[in-house]
Amino acid sequence: MSELPETISSTRVFEGRVFDVRIDRVRYDDGSEHRIDVAEHGPSFAIAAAPEPGRVVLVRQYRHPARAALWELPAGRSEAGEDPSAGAMRELREETGFRAGRIRRIFSLYSTPGFCDELMHFFYADRLEAGEQALDEDERIEVRQFELEEAWRLVAEGAVTDCKTVLGLLWMASQKDESRGGFLP
């Protein structure tokens, strides 16, 4: 493919609390036209938070589409105009009560680029200080610290089934510094 297709039309067909949906008509170089349905979600972030080397903070909450309570990395949507690192710090504090003494971006990726524009920014947070959660009215979140190996057992048992958490755990495992017995800052 040499050039991006031309967008001929774009119509928003649904406006929701979490995402909107639009229908785009595109024309490719060969003249063919196609309909593409796009879920508009906007930027988000996930936080691999380490209270100490070799440990990770996970949150458990009910996910209606999965019809299950899942263990996940703390995560959330960016507010309008919000810097991703500031949003990640905010969401970590709101969901877990932890304040990070240090946070850094590790990578960004599209969660499902075949139909959704969500760009998820992944962060690593450490030097955590405990505090109180500040949950939204509709949130019911359990917070727990896990040894990394214990978190991997949750993946094997099916209690961790979302991509962002598995990717965050893979990143944390890749950072293991055997000489220090911990994870690289």
N, C-alpha and C. Protein backbone atom coordinates (compact mmCIF):
# COMPACT_ATOMS: atom_id res chain seq x y z
N MET A 1 0.85 -1.17 0.00
CA MET A 1 0.00 0.00 0.00
C MET A 1 0.90 1.23 0.00
N SER A 2 0.75 2.04 -1.01
CA SER A 2 1.62 3.20 -1.13
C SER A 2 1.09 4.43 -0.42
N GLU A 3 -0.22 4.61 -0.42
CA GLU A 3 -0.79 5.80 0.20
C GLU A 3 -1.94 5.43 1.11
N LEU A 4 -2.21 6.30 2.07
CA LEU A 4 -3.35 6.08 2.94
C LEU A 4 -4.63 6.30 2.14
N PRO A 5 -5.68 5.55 2.43
CA PRO A 5 -6.94 5.78 1.72
C PRO A 5 -7.51 7.15 2.06
N GLU A 6 -8.27 7.69 1.12
CA GLU A 6 -8.95 8.98 1.32
C GLU A 6 -10.25 8.73 2.09
N THR A 7 -10.49 9.52 3.11
CA THR A 7 -11.76 9.45 3.82
C THR A 7 -12.77 10.30 3.07
N ILE A 8 -13.79 9.66 2.55
CA ILE A 8 -14.81 10.34 1.75
C ILE A 8 -15.88 10.95 2.65
N SER A 9 -16.27 10.19 3.68
CA SER A 9 -17.27 10.69 4.62
C SER A 9 -17.03 10.06 5.98
N SER A 10 -17.54 10.73 7.00
CA SER A 10 -17.42 10.25 8.37
C SER A 10 -18.68 10.69 9.12
N THR A 11 -19.42 9.72 9.68
CA THR A 11 -20.67 10.03 10.36
C THR A 11 -20.68 9.37 11.73
N ARG A 12 -20.87 10.16 12.77
CA ARG A 12 -21.01 9.61 14.13
C ARG A 12 -22.41 9.04 14.26
N VAL A 13 -22.49 7.76 14.66
CA VAL A 13 -23.79 7.08 14.75
C VAL A 13 -24.17 6.72 16.18
N PHE A 14 -23.22 6.87 17.11
CA PHE A 14 -23.51 6.55 18.51
C PHE A 14 -22.61 7.38 19.40
N GLU A 15 -23.18 7.96 20.45
CA GLU A 15 -22.41 8.66 21.47
C GLU A 15 -22.70 8.03 22.81
N GLY A 16 -21.68 7.46 23.43
CA GLY A 16 -21.84 6.78 24.70
C GLY A 16 -21.01 7.39 25.80
N ARG A 17 -21.10 6.83 26.99
CA ARG A 17 -20.35 7.32 28.14
C ARG A 17 -18.87 6.97 28.02
N VAL A 18 -18.55 5.80 27.48
CA VAL A 18 -17.17 5.33 27.41
C VAL A 18 -16.57 5.50 26.02
N PHE A 19 -17.38 5.33 24.99
CA PHE A 19 -16.88 5.46 23.63
C PHE A 19 -18.00 5.92 22.70
N ASP A 20 -17.60 6.43 21.53
CA ASP A 20 -18.52 6.80 20.47
C ASP A 20 -18.24 5.87 19.29
N VAL A 21 -19.16 5.84 18.33
CA VAL A 21 -18.95 5.04 17.12
C VAL A 21 -19.23 5.91 15.91
N ARG A 22 -18.34 5.80 14.92
CA ARG A 22 -18.56 6.51 13.67
C ARG A 22 -18.39 5.53 12.51
N ILE A 23 -19.01 5.89 11.40
CA ILE A 23 -18.87 5.10 10.17
C ILE A 23 -18.13 5.96 9.17
N ASP A 24 -16.98 5.48 8.72
CA ASP A 24 -16.20 6.17 7.70
C ASP A 24 -16.35 5.44 6.37
N ARG A 25 -16.37 6.19 5.29
CA ARG A 25 -16.28 5.63 3.94
C ARG A 25 -14.91 6.06 3.43
N VAL A 26 -14.12 5.10 2.96
CA VAL A 26 -12.78 5.39 2.48
C VAL A 26 -12.63 4.91 1.03
N ARG A 27 -11.74 5.60 0.30
CA ARG A 27 -11.43 5.23 -1.09
C ARG A 27 -9.94 4.91 -1.16
N TYR A 28 -9.63 3.72 -1.66
CA TYR A 28 -8.25 3.29 -1.83
C TYR A 28 -7.71 3.74 -3.17
N ASP A 29 -6.38 3.60 -3.35
CA ASP A 29 -5.70 4.00 -4.58
C ASP A 29 -6.32 3.38 -5.82
N ASP A 30 -6.82 2.15 -5.69
CA ASP A 30 -7.39 1.46 -6.87
C ASP A 30 -8.82 1.90 -7.18
N GLY A 31 -9.34 2.89 -6.41
CA GLY A 31 -10.67 3.42 -6.66
C GLY A 31 -11.77 2.73 -5.88
N SER A 32 -11.47 1.62 -5.24
CA SER A 32 -12.52 0.91 -4.48
C SER A 32 -12.86 1.69 -3.21
N GLU A 33 -14.13 1.61 -2.83
CA GLU A 33 -14.62 2.29 -1.64
C GLU A 33 -15.11 1.25 -0.64
N HIS A 34 -14.89 1.54 0.67
CA HIS A 34 -15.27 0.60 1.71
C HIS A 34 -15.76 1.34 2.94
N ARG A 35 -16.64 0.67 3.68
CA ARG A 35 -17.15 1.17 4.95
C ARG A 35 -16.25 0.64 6.06
N ILE A 36 -15.90 1.55 6.99
CA ILE A 36 -15.11 1.15 8.16
C ILE A 36 -15.81 1.70 9.39
N ASP A 37 -16.16 0.80 10.32
CA ASP A 37 -16.76 1.19 11.59
C ASP A 37 -15.64 1.44 12.60
N VAL A 38 -15.68 2.58 13.27
CA VAL A 38 -14.62 2.98 14.19
C VAL A 38 -15.20 3.28 15.57
N ALA A 39 -14.68 2.60 16.59
CA ALA A 39 -15.00 2.93 17.97
C ALA A 39 -14.01 4.01 18.40
N GLU A 40 -14.54 5.17 18.77
CA GLU A 40 -13.70 6.28 19.22
C GLU A 40 -13.61 6.23 20.74
N HIS A 41 -12.44 5.95 21.24
CA HIS A 41 -12.25 5.80 22.69
C HIS A 41 -11.35 6.88 23.25
N GLY A 42 -10.36 7.28 22.51
CA GLY A 42 -9.39 8.26 22.99
C GLY A 42 -8.29 7.60 23.79
N PRO A 43 -7.28 8.37 24.18
CA PRO A 43 -6.11 7.81 24.87
C PRO A 43 -6.43 7.25 26.25
N SER A 44 -5.63 6.28 26.65
CA SER A 44 -5.77 5.67 27.97
C SER A 44 -4.38 5.32 28.48
N PHE A 45 -4.33 4.75 29.67
CA PHE A 45 -3.04 4.36 30.23
C PHE A 45 -3.22 3.17 31.16
N ALA A 46 -2.14 2.43 31.31
CA ALA A 46 -2.07 1.30 32.24
C ALA A 46 -0.79 1.48 33.04
N ILE A 47 -0.83 1.10 34.32
CA ILE A 47 0.31 1.35 35.20
C ILE A 47 0.79 0.05 35.83
N ALA A 48 2.04 -0.32 35.51
CA ALA A 48 2.70 -1.44 36.19
C ALA A 48 3.34 -0.83 37.43
N ALA A 49 2.68 -0.96 38.55
CA ALA A 49 3.11 -0.30 39.79
C ALA A 49 3.81 -1.33 40.68
N ALA A 50 5.04 -1.02 41.08
CA ALA A 50 5.85 -1.93 41.89
C ALA A 50 6.05 -1.34 43.28
N PRO A 51 5.36 -1.87 44.29
CA PRO A 51 5.54 -1.38 45.65
C PRO A 51 6.94 -1.70 46.19
N GLU A 52 7.55 -2.74 45.63
CA GLU A 52 8.94 -3.10 45.92
C GLU A 52 9.39 -4.02 44.79
N PRO A 53 10.69 -4.24 44.63
CA PRO A 53 11.16 -5.10 43.54
C PRO A 53 10.52 -6.49 43.60
N GLY A 54 10.09 -6.97 42.42
CA GLY A 54 9.51 -8.31 42.33
C GLY A 54 8.04 -8.38 42.68
N ARG A 55 7.40 -7.23 42.95
CA ARG A 55 5.99 -7.21 43.30
C ARG A 55 5.24 -6.26 42.36
N VAL A 56 3.94 -6.50 42.23
CA VAL A 56 3.10 -5.67 41.37
C VAL A 56 1.76 -5.45 42.06
N VAL A 57 1.19 -4.27 41.85
CA VAL A 57 -0.14 -3.94 42.36
C VAL A 57 -1.15 -4.27 41.27
N LEU A 58 -2.15 -5.09 41.63
CA LEU A 58 -3.26 -5.37 40.72
C LEU A 58 -4.56 -4.95 41.38
N VAL A 59 -5.54 -4.64 40.55
CA VAL A 59 -6.87 -4.30 41.03
C VAL A 59 -7.85 -5.32 40.47
N ARG A 60 -8.86 -5.62 41.27
CA ARG A 60 -9.89 -6.57 40.84
C ARG A 60 -11.22 -5.84 40.79
N GLN A 61 -11.84 -5.92 39.62
CA GLN A 61 -13.14 -5.28 39.46
C GLN A 61 -14.00 -6.06 38.47
N TYR A 62 -15.30 -5.88 38.62
CA TYR A 62 -16.25 -6.56 37.74
C TYR A 62 -16.21 -5.92 36.36
N ARG A 63 -16.11 -6.75 35.34
CA ARG A 63 -16.12 -6.31 33.94
C ARG A 63 -17.33 -6.95 33.27
N HIS A 64 -18.35 -6.15 33.06
CA HIS A 64 -19.61 -6.70 32.57
C HIS A 64 -19.49 -7.42 31.23
N PRO A 65 -18.78 -6.87 30.22
CA PRO A 65 -18.69 -7.62 28.96
C PRO A 65 -18.08 -9.02 29.14
N ALA A 66 -17.17 -9.18 30.09
CA ALA A 66 -16.56 -10.49 30.36
C ALA A 66 -17.40 -11.31 31.34
N ARG A 67 -18.38 -10.64 31.99
CA ARG A 67 -19.23 -11.28 33.00
C ARG A 67 -18.39 -11.92 34.10
N ALA A 68 -17.34 -11.20 34.53
CA ALA A 68 -16.44 -11.73 35.55
C ALA A 68 -15.71 -10.58 36.25
N ALA A 69 -15.26 -10.86 37.47
CA ALA A 69 -14.37 -9.94 38.19
C ALA A 69 -12.95 -10.34 37.81
N LEU A 70 -12.19 -9.40 37.28
CA LEU A 70 -10.85 -9.69 36.76
C LEU A 70 -9.78 -8.93 37.53
N TRP A 71 -8.62 -9.56 37.69
CA TRP A 71 -7.44 -8.88 38.21
C TRP A 71 -6.77 -8.19 37.04
N GLU A 72 -6.42 -6.91 37.21
CA GLU A 72 -5.83 -6.12 36.14
C GLU A 72 -4.81 -5.14 36.70
N LEU A 73 -3.99 -4.61 35.81
CA LEU A 73 -3.18 -3.44 36.16
C LEU A 73 -4.13 -2.27 36.36
N PRO A 74 -3.81 -1.36 37.26
CA PRO A 74 -4.60 -0.12 37.34
C PRO A 74 -4.54 0.57 35.97
N ALA A 75 -5.66 1.10 35.53
CA ALA A 75 -5.72 1.70 34.19
C ALA A 75 -6.89 2.66 34.13
N GLY A 76 -6.88 3.50 33.11
CA GLY A 76 -8.00 4.43 32.94
C GLY A 76 -7.86 5.25 31.68
N ARG A 77 -8.88 6.06 31.46
CA ARG A 77 -8.93 6.95 30.30
C ARG A 77 -8.34 8.30 30.65
N SER A 78 -7.76 8.92 29.65
CA SER A 78 -7.26 10.27 29.79
C SER A 78 -8.41 11.26 29.76
N GLU A 79 -8.35 12.24 30.63
CA GLU A 79 -9.33 13.32 30.58
C GLU A 79 -8.92 14.27 29.46
N ALA A 80 -9.84 15.06 28.96
CA ALA A 80 -9.59 15.97 27.85
C ALA A 80 -8.36 16.84 28.13
N GLY A 81 -7.38 16.79 27.23
CA GLY A 81 -6.18 17.60 27.33
C GLY A 81 -5.19 17.17 28.38
N GLU A 82 -5.43 16.05 29.05
CA GLU A 82 -4.58 15.61 30.15
C GLU A 82 -3.30 14.96 29.63
N ASP A 83 -2.19 15.33 30.24
CA ASP A 83 -0.91 14.69 29.95
C ASP A 83 -0.98 13.23 30.40
N PRO A 84 -0.56 12.27 29.54
CA PRO A 84 -0.68 10.86 29.93
C PRO A 84 0.00 10.50 31.25
N SER A 85 1.18 11.04 31.53
CA SER A 85 1.84 10.67 32.80
C SER A 85 1.08 11.24 34.00
N ALA A 86 0.52 12.44 33.86
CA ALA A 86 -0.29 13.00 34.94
C ALA A 86 -1.56 12.18 35.13
N GLY A 87 -2.16 11.74 34.02
CA GLY A 87 -3.35 10.90 34.10
C GLY A 87 -3.06 9.55 34.73
N ALA A 88 -1.90 8.97 34.41
CA ALA A 88 -1.53 7.69 35.00
C ALA A 88 -1.34 7.84 36.51
N MET A 89 -0.70 8.92 36.93
CA MET A 89 -0.53 9.17 38.37
C MET A 89 -1.89 9.35 39.05
N ARG A 90 -2.78 10.09 38.40
CA ARG A 90 -4.12 10.31 38.95
C ARG A 90 -4.88 9.00 39.08
N GLU A 91 -4.87 8.21 38.02
CA GLU A 91 -5.62 6.96 38.03
C GLU A 91 -5.05 5.97 39.05
N LEU A 92 -3.74 5.90 39.18
CA LEU A 92 -3.12 5.03 40.18
C LEU A 92 -3.60 5.42 41.58
N ARG A 93 -3.60 6.70 41.87
CA ARG A 93 -4.05 7.18 43.18
C ARG A 93 -5.53 6.90 43.40
N GLU A 94 -6.36 7.20 42.38
CA GLU A 94 -7.80 7.00 42.54
C GLU A 94 -8.16 5.53 42.75
N GLU A 95 -7.59 4.65 41.91
CA GLU A 95 -7.97 3.23 41.98
C GLU A 95 -7.33 2.48 43.13
N THR A 96 -6.09 2.84 43.49
CA THR A 96 -5.34 2.04 44.48
C THR A 96 -5.05 2.78 45.76
N GLY A 97 -5.07 4.10 45.73
CA GLY A 97 -4.66 4.90 46.88
C GLY A 97 -3.17 5.19 46.87
N PHE A 98 -2.40 4.48 46.05
CA PHE A 98 -0.95 4.69 46.01
C PHE A 98 -0.58 5.96 45.25
N ARG A 99 0.39 6.67 45.79
CA ARG A 99 1.03 7.79 45.09
C ARG A 99 2.42 7.31 44.69
N ALA A 100 2.76 7.54 43.43
CA ALA A 100 4.06 7.11 42.93
C ALA A 100 5.10 8.20 43.15
N GLY A 101 6.23 7.82 43.72
CA GLY A 101 7.34 8.76 43.86
C GLY A 101 8.08 8.93 42.54
N ARG A 102 7.89 7.94 41.65
CA ARG A 102 8.53 8.00 40.34
C ARG A 102 7.66 7.24 39.35
N ILE A 103 7.51 7.82 38.16
CA ILE A 103 6.75 7.17 37.10
C ILE A 103 7.46 7.44 35.78
N ARG A 104 7.45 6.44 34.90
CA ARG A 104 8.03 6.67 33.57
C ARG A 104 7.26 5.87 32.53
N ARG A 105 7.16 6.47 31.35
CA ARG A 105 6.48 5.82 30.24
C ARG A 105 7.37 4.71 29.73
N ILE A 106 6.77 3.54 29.48
CA ILE A 106 7.56 2.43 28.95
C ILE A 106 7.25 2.12 27.49
N PHE A 107 6.01 2.26 27.06
CA PHE A 107 5.66 2.13 25.65
C PHE A 107 4.21 2.52 25.45
N SER A 108 3.81 2.67 24.21
CA SER A 108 2.43 2.96 23.85
C SER A 108 2.03 2.05 22.71
N LEU A 109 0.76 1.65 22.69
CA LEU A 109 0.27 0.80 21.59
C LEU A 109 -1.22 0.96 21.40
N TYR A 110 -1.67 0.65 20.20
CA TYR A 110 -3.10 0.63 19.93
C TYR A 110 -3.65 -0.67 20.46
N SER A 111 -4.72 -0.59 21.24
CA SER A 111 -5.28 -1.78 21.86
C SER A 111 -5.92 -2.71 20.84
N THR A 112 -6.72 -2.20 19.94
CA THR A 112 -7.38 -2.99 18.90
C THR A 112 -7.54 -2.12 17.66
N PRO A 113 -6.46 -1.91 16.89
CA PRO A 113 -6.49 -0.94 15.79
C PRO A 113 -7.37 -1.33 14.61
N GLY A 114 -7.91 -2.53 14.60
CA GLY A 114 -8.80 -2.92 13.52
C GLY A 114 -10.14 -2.20 13.57
N PHE A 115 -10.54 -1.73 14.77
CA PHE A 115 -11.82 -1.04 14.87
C PHE A 115 -11.85 0.08 15.90
N CYS A 116 -10.76 0.30 16.65
CA CYS A 116 -10.79 1.27 17.74
C CYS A 116 -9.56 2.18 17.69
N ASP A 117 -9.76 3.47 18.00
CA ASP A 117 -8.64 4.43 17.96
C ASP A 117 -7.92 4.57 19.29
N GLU A 118 -8.23 3.74 20.28
CA GLU A 118 -7.61 3.85 21.61
C GLU A 118 -6.10 3.62 21.54
N LEU A 119 -5.32 4.62 21.95
CA LEU A 119 -3.88 4.49 22.10
C LEU A 119 -3.61 4.40 23.60
N MET A 120 -3.10 3.24 24.04
CA MET A 120 -2.84 3.02 25.46
C MET A 120 -1.36 3.26 25.75
N HIS A 121 -1.12 4.11 26.74
CA HIS A 121 0.24 4.43 27.19
C HIS A 121 0.52 3.60 28.45
N PHE A 122 1.61 2.85 28.43
CA PHE A 122 1.99 2.04 29.58
C PHE A 122 3.06 2.76 30.38
N PHE A 123 2.91 2.71 31.71
CA PHE A 123 3.82 3.37 32.62
C PHE A 123 4.31 2.38 33.67
N TYR A 124 5.51 2.64 34.17
CA TYR A 124 6.07 1.92 35.30
C TYR A 124 6.14 2.90 36.46
N ALA A 125 5.58 2.54 37.59
CA ALA A 125 5.58 3.41 38.77
C ALA A 125 6.21 2.66 39.94
N ASP A 126 7.03 3.36 40.69
CA ASP A 126 7.59 2.77 41.91
C ASP A 126 7.75 3.86 42.96
N ARG A 127 8.43 3.51 44.06
CA ARG A 127 8.53 4.41 45.22
C ARG A 127 7.12 4.80 45.69
N LEU A 128 6.29 3.80 45.85
CA LEU A 128 4.89 4.02 46.16
C LEU A 128 4.66 4.35 47.62
N GLU A 129 3.74 5.27 47.87
CA GLU A 129 3.28 5.60 49.22
C GLU A 129 1.80 5.31 49.30
N ALA A 130 1.39 4.54 50.30
CA ALA A 130 -0.01 4.15 50.46
C ALA A 130 -0.86 5.34 50.85
N GLY A 131 -2.11 5.30 50.42
CA GLY A 131 -3.09 6.33 50.76
C GLY A 131 -4.49 5.76 50.57
N GLU A 132 -5.45 6.64 50.51
CA GLU A 132 -6.85 6.25 50.36
C GLU A 132 -7.28 6.26 48.89
N GLN A 133 -8.09 5.29 48.51
CA GLN A 133 -8.68 5.28 47.19
C GLN A 133 -9.64 6.46 47.05
N ALA A 134 -9.86 6.88 45.79
CA ALA A 134 -10.84 7.92 45.48
C ALA A 134 -11.64 7.41 44.28
N LEU A 135 -12.49 6.41 44.54
CA LEU A 135 -13.20 5.72 43.48
C LEU A 135 -14.35 6.55 42.92
N ASP A 136 -14.64 6.32 41.63
CA ASP A 136 -15.83 6.90 41.03
C ASP A 136 -17.04 6.18 41.63
N GLU A 137 -18.20 6.81 41.52
CA GLU A 137 -19.42 6.27 42.11
C GLU A 137 -19.72 4.84 41.66
N ASP A 138 -19.41 4.53 40.41
CA ASP A 138 -19.74 3.21 39.87
C ASP A 138 -18.60 2.18 40.01
N GLU A 139 -17.52 2.54 40.68
CA GLU A 139 -16.37 1.63 40.81
C GLU A 139 -16.41 0.87 42.13
N ARG A 140 -16.11 -0.40 42.05
CA ARG A 140 -15.95 -1.29 43.21
C ARG A 140 -14.64 -2.01 42.96
N ILE A 141 -13.56 -1.55 43.58
CA ILE A 141 -12.22 -2.05 43.24
C ILE A 141 -11.52 -2.59 44.48
N GLU A 142 -11.06 -3.82 44.36
CA GLU A 142 -10.21 -4.45 45.37
C GLU A 142 -8.76 -4.28 44.93
N VAL A 143 -7.89 -3.94 45.87
CA VAL A 143 -6.47 -3.71 45.57
C VAL A 143 -5.65 -4.74 46.31
N ARG A 144 -4.65 -5.30 45.62
CA ARG A 144 -3.77 -6.28 46.26
C ARG A 144 -2.40 -6.26 45.62
N GLN A 145 -1.39 -6.53 46.43
CA GLN A 145 -0.03 -6.66 45.93
C GLN A 145 0.27 -8.14 45.72
N PHE A 146 0.96 -8.45 44.63
CA PHE A 146 1.32 -9.81 44.28
C PHE A 146 2.81 -9.91 43.99
N GLU A 147 3.40 -11.04 44.38
CA GLU A 147 4.72 -11.38 43.85
C GLU A 147 4.51 -11.59 42.35
N LEU A 148 5.52 -11.27 41.54
CA LEU A 148 5.36 -11.40 40.09
C LEU A 148 5.02 -12.84 39.70
N GLU A 149 5.63 -13.81 40.36
CA GLU A 149 5.35 -15.22 40.05
C GLU A 149 3.89 -15.56 40.37
N GLU A 150 3.37 -15.00 41.46
CA GLU A 150 1.97 -15.21 41.83
C GLU A 150 1.04 -14.59 40.78
N ALA A 151 1.40 -13.42 40.27
CA ALA A 151 0.61 -12.78 39.22
C ALA A 151 0.58 -13.66 37.97
N TRP A 152 1.70 -14.29 37.66
CA TRP A 152 1.72 -15.18 36.49
C TRP A 152 0.84 -16.40 36.71
N ARG A 153 0.72 -16.88 37.94
CA ARG A 153 -0.20 -17.99 38.22
C ARG A 153 -1.65 -17.55 37.94
N LEU A 154 -1.96 -16.30 38.25
CA LEU A 154 -3.29 -15.78 37.95
C LEU A 154 -3.57 -15.80 36.44
N VAL A 155 -2.53 -15.50 35.65
CA VAL A 155 -2.68 -15.58 34.19
C VAL A 155 -2.97 -17.03 33.80
N ALA A 156 -2.18 -17.96 34.32
CA ALA A 156 -2.35 -19.38 33.98
C ALA A 156 -3.71 -19.92 34.42
N GLU A 157 -4.24 -19.41 35.54
CA GLU A 157 -5.52 -19.86 36.07
C GLU A 157 -6.71 -19.17 35.40
N GLY A 158 -6.47 -18.16 34.58
CA GLY A 158 -7.55 -17.47 33.90
C GLY A 158 -8.15 -16.32 34.69
N ALA A 159 -7.55 -15.93 35.81
CA ALA A 159 -8.04 -14.79 36.59
C ALA A 159 -7.54 -13.47 36.01
N VAL A 160 -6.46 -13.51 35.26
CA VAL A 160 -5.94 -12.36 34.51
C VAL A 160 -6.10 -12.73 33.04
N THR A 161 -7.00 -12.02 32.35
CA THR A 161 -7.28 -12.38 30.95
C THR A 161 -7.27 -11.19 30.00
N ASP A 162 -6.86 -10.02 30.48
CA ASP A 162 -6.84 -8.88 29.57
C ASP A 162 -5.42 -8.61 29.09
N CYS A 163 -5.34 -8.13 27.86
CA CYS A 163 -4.04 -7.93 27.20
C CYS A 163 -3.15 -6.93 27.93
N LYS A 164 -3.72 -5.83 28.41
CA LYS A 164 -2.86 -4.80 29.01
C LYS A 164 -2.12 -5.34 30.21
N THR A 165 -2.78 -6.18 31.01
CA THR A 165 -2.14 -6.72 32.20
C THR A 165 -1.07 -7.73 31.83
N VAL A 166 -1.36 -8.60 30.88
CA VAL A 166 -0.35 -9.58 30.45
C VAL A 166 0.85 -8.86 29.86
N LEU A 167 0.63 -7.82 29.04
CA LEU A 167 1.75 -7.07 28.48
C LEU A 167 2.57 -6.38 29.57
N GLY A 168 1.89 -5.79 30.54
CA GLY A 168 2.61 -5.14 31.64
C GLY A 168 3.43 -6.14 32.44
N LEU A 169 2.86 -7.31 32.70
CA LEU A 169 3.61 -8.35 33.44
C LEU A 169 4.79 -8.85 32.62
N LEU A 170 4.60 -9.01 31.31
CA LEU A 170 5.72 -9.42 30.46
C LEU A 170 6.84 -8.39 30.49
N TRP A 171 6.45 -7.11 30.43
CA TRP A 171 7.48 -6.06 30.50
C TRP A 171 8.23 -6.14 31.83
N MET A 172 7.48 -6.27 32.93
CA MET A 172 8.13 -6.34 34.24
C MET A 172 9.08 -7.54 34.32
N ALA A 173 8.65 -8.68 33.81
CA ALA A 173 9.51 -9.87 33.82
C ALA A 173 10.76 -9.65 32.98
N SER A 174 10.63 -8.91 31.89
CA SER A 174 11.80 -8.67 31.02
C SER A 174 12.82 -7.74 31.67
N GLN A 175 12.41 -7.00 32.69
CA GLN A 175 13.29 -6.05 33.35
C GLN A 175 14.03 -6.63 34.53
N LYS A 176 13.80 -7.89 34.83
CA LYS A 176 14.42 -8.49 36.01
C LYS A 176 15.94 -8.40 35.90
N ASP A 177 16.53 -7.88 36.91
CA ASP A 177 17.99 -7.75 36.99
C ASP A 177 18.46 -8.77 38.03
N GLU A 178 18.92 -9.91 37.55
CA GLU A 178 19.30 -11.00 38.45
C GLU A 178 20.38 -10.58 39.45
N SER A 179 21.29 -9.71 39.02
CA SER A 179 22.39 -9.33 39.92
C SER A 179 21.90 -8.54 41.13
N ARG A 180 20.78 -7.81 40.96
CA ARG A 180 20.24 -6.99 42.07
C ARG A 180 19.04 -7.64 42.73
N GLY A 181 18.53 -8.71 42.11
CA GLY A 181 17.39 -9.39 42.69
C GLY A 181 16.10 -8.60 42.59
N GLY A 182 16.07 -7.62 41.71
CA GLY A 182 14.87 -6.80 41.60
C GLY A 182 14.60 -6.42 40.16
N PHE A 183 13.92 -5.31 39.97
CA PHE A 183 13.58 -4.84 38.66
C PHE A 183 14.27 -3.52 38.41
N LEU A 184 14.65 -3.31 37.17
CA LEU A 184 15.35 -2.08 36.83
C LEU A 184 14.41 -0.89 37.01
N PRO A 185 14.92 0.21 37.54
CA PRO A 185 14.07 1.41 37.72
C PRO A 185 13.79 2.09 36.38
